[in-house]
Protein backbone atom coordinates (compact mmCIF):
# COMPACT_ATOMS: atom_id res chain seq x y z
CA MET A 1 106.77 190.68 88.96
CA GLY A 2 106.01 194.88 89.35
CA LEU A 3 104.29 196.60 91.43
CA SER A 4 100.62 195.57 92.68
CA VAL A 5 100.77 193.67 89.95
CA VAL A 6 98.07 191.00 91.38
CA THR A 7 96.38 193.80 93.41
CA SER A 8 95.36 196.25 90.66
CA SER A 9 93.89 193.48 88.37
CA ILE A 10 91.62 192.68 91.62
CA ILE A 11 91.28 196.15 93.10
CA SER A 12 90.31 199.83 91.33
CA GLU A 13 91.46 203.30 91.91
CA ALA A 14 88.14 204.16 94.00
CA SER A 15 88.01 200.46 96.23
CA ALA A 16 92.08 201.15 97.06
CA ARG A 17 91.07 204.69 97.60
CA ARG A 18 88.18 203.69 100.50
CA GLY A 19 90.83 200.96 101.59
CA LEU A 20 88.72 198.90 103.90
CA GLU A 21 86.76 197.72 100.91
CA ALA A 22 90.43 196.83 99.22
CA VAL A 23 91.58 194.85 102.09
CA SER A 24 88.19 193.26 102.10
CA ILE A 25 88.31 191.87 98.03
CA LEU A 26 91.67 190.28 98.99
CA LEU A 27 90.99 188.88 101.86
CA TYR A 28 87.79 187.67 100.27
CA GLU A 29 90.31 186.60 96.81
CA GLU A 30 93.02 184.77 99.11
CA GLY A 31 90.20 182.77 100.76
CA ILE A 32 90.70 184.74 103.78
CA HIS A 33 87.38 184.56 105.46
CA ASP A 34 87.51 185.54 109.37
CA VAL A 35 89.68 188.79 109.65
CA TYR A 36 88.30 191.71 109.99
CA THR A 37 88.83 195.41 109.36
CA GLU A 38 89.08 198.59 110.61
CA TRP A 39 90.42 202.22 110.50
CA HIS A 40 92.86 203.15 113.21
CA ARG A 41 93.04 207.00 113.99
CA GLY A 42 96.74 206.10 114.92
CA VAL A 43 99.39 208.05 112.80
CA THR A 44 102.70 205.62 114.01
CA ASN A 45 101.70 203.50 111.17
CA ILE A 46 99.70 203.10 108.12
CA GLY A 47 98.45 199.59 108.59
CA ARG A 48 98.80 196.72 111.57
CA THR A 49 97.64 193.35 111.31
CA ALA A 50 96.44 192.24 115.00
CA TYR A 51 96.60 188.58 116.11
CA ASN A 52 94.60 186.44 118.49
CA ARG A 53 95.99 183.85 121.40
CA VAL A 54 96.07 180.79 118.40
CA GLY A 55 98.39 182.56 116.02
CA LYS A 56 95.81 183.81 113.85
CA ALA A 57 95.14 187.39 112.14
CA THR A 58 91.72 188.53 113.31
CA VAL A 59 91.89 191.95 112.41
CA ILE A 60 93.83 194.88 109.95
CA SER A 61 93.87 197.76 110.51
CA LEU A 62 94.27 201.22 108.67
CA SER A 63 95.17 204.69 109.33
CA LYS A 64 92.02 206.80 108.83
CA ALA A 65 94.66 210.10 109.28
CA LEU A 66 97.48 208.94 106.94
CA TRP A 67 94.62 206.80 104.06
CA PRO A 68 94.26 210.26 102.17
CA HIS A 69 97.38 210.70 101.64
CA LEU A 70 98.64 207.93 100.06
CA SER A 71 98.64 207.46 96.28
CA TYR A 72 97.20 204.60 94.46
CA GLU A 73 100.15 202.37 94.22
CA GLN A 74 100.89 202.88 97.71
CA ARG A 75 97.97 201.52 98.92
CA LEU A 76 97.55 198.64 96.50
CA ASP A 77 101.11 198.13 98.81
CA VAL A 78 100.15 198.87 101.87
CA ILE A 79 96.97 196.66 101.58
CA ALA A 80 98.83 193.54 100.25
CA HIS A 81 101.14 193.87 103.51
CA GLU A 82 98.46 193.92 105.92
CA VAL A 83 96.83 190.28 104.05
CA ALA A 84 100.31 189.41 103.46
CA HIS A 85 100.58 188.92 106.99
CA ALA A 86 97.06 188.05 107.93
CA SER A 87 97.06 184.85 105.33
CA LEU A 88 100.21 183.73 107.59
CA PRO A 89 100.53 182.14 111.11
CA TYR A 90 101.98 184.39 114.15
CA GLY A 91 105.63 184.61 113.76
CA HIS A 92 106.68 185.33 110.45
CA LYS A 93 107.04 189.25 110.32
CA HIS A 94 108.82 190.47 107.84
CA ASP A 95 110.79 186.68 107.09
CA SER A 96 111.53 185.67 103.91
CA VAL A 97 108.22 183.33 103.79
CA TRP A 98 106.28 186.70 104.35
CA ARG A 99 108.16 188.57 101.73
CA ARG A 100 107.56 186.03 99.34
CA LYS A 101 103.38 186.17 100.15
CA CYS A 102 103.45 190.30 100.33
CA LEU A 103 105.55 189.79 96.11
CA GLU A 104 102.58 187.51 95.55
CA LEU A 105 99.89 189.52 96.10
CA GLY A 106 101.91 192.55 94.25
CA GLY A 107 103.23 193.99 97.55
CA ASN A 108 107.08 195.14 97.57
CA GLY A 109 107.58 193.21 99.80
CA ASN A 110 109.54 195.31 101.88
CA GLU A 111 108.80 196.29 106.17
CA LYS A 112 108.58 199.75 105.82
CA ASP A 113 105.28 201.54 105.49
CA ALA A 114 104.79 203.42 102.20
CA VAL A 115 104.51 207.08 103.32
CA PRO A 116 108.58 207.85 104.81
CA ASP A 117 108.00 209.99 107.39
CA PRO A 118 103.79 209.20 108.21
CA HIS A 119 104.52 211.75 111.69
CA ARG A 120 104.56 214.56 109.35
CA TRP A 121 100.50 214.14 108.97
CA ALA A 122 99.66 214.18 112.59
CA LYS A 123 97.54 216.69 114.30
CA TYR A 124 99.33 216.96 117.12
CA SER A 125 103.21 216.64 118.15
CA GLY A 126 105.28 216.91 121.31
CA VAL A 127 108.50 217.46 122.17
CA CYS A 128 110.37 216.60 125.39
CA PRO A 129 112.50 219.50 127.27
CA LYS A 130 115.45 216.34 126.31
CA GLY A 131 113.56 216.25 122.60
CA HIS A 132 112.29 213.89 122.01
CA THR A 133 109.36 213.70 120.02
CA THR A 134 106.29 211.86 120.06
CA TRP A 135 102.71 212.66 117.54
CA VAL A 136 99.01 212.33 118.42
CA GLN A 137 95.66 212.21 116.09
CA ARG A 138 93.59 213.60 118.16
CA ALA A 139 93.71 215.90 121.58
CA ILE A 140 93.67 213.73 124.90
CA LYS A 141 92.49 214.29 128.06
CA HIS A 142 95.00 215.79 130.58
CA MET A 143 97.37 216.05 127.62
CA ASN A 144 99.43 219.30 129.05
CA GLU A 145 100.31 216.71 132.14
CA ARG A 146 101.78 213.96 129.55
CA SER A 147 105.61 213.84 130.81
CA CYS A 148 108.44 212.02 128.72
CA SER A 149 108.10 207.67 128.70
CA HIS A 150 111.79 208.09 127.62
CA CYS A 151 113.22 209.83 130.52
CA SER A 152 111.49 208.20 133.26
CA SER A 153 109.14 205.34 133.39
CA ARG A 154 106.98 207.90 136.39
CA TRP A 155 105.77 210.95 135.60
CA ASP A 156 108.13 213.62 136.11
CA PRO A 157 107.22 217.27 135.99
CA ALA A 158 110.88 218.21 134.90
CA ASN A 159 110.23 215.71 131.65
CA LEU A 160 107.07 217.67 130.69
CA ILE A 161 105.97 217.15 126.86
CA VAL A 162 104.70 220.45 125.12
CA TRP A 163 102.24 220.19 122.33
CA THR A 164 102.60 222.11 119.12
CA LYS A 165 98.95 221.43 116.51
CA ASN A 166 99.84 221.01 113.17
CA TYR A 167 97.05 222.24 111.50
């Protein structure tokens, strides 16, 4: 089965552009009615699926910052990826059962995001003195007082992050 064969027959390009509508359409087609969709502001991943305590998917969120940078095919792949997670019980992550479901929905079955380096669209990037890099989409309170969590588990003025606004 080629990339997005199933999802492209159900989801129009306009729906995929809108994102959450496309996820809702595929959830409905799969008979999944108790999963919500939302945008998130992060740039570390394009999509993610959150589970409740009883092991059922409850929320699929898509990155509002990254979504506009994806092609139609990449959007369909992310949608298939996340709906595959939501349609299976917690614990499958990216195993063979999940991969089979993702392929069935028209995804490529890869566990990696569709965009090779999503951080390039982050609004701010920060680097500590030892070279560890972090990214955020919006300015946070006391941003210039943030220290690197890779260098020390406690706040340390020797590990302060220097921020750059990317756009």
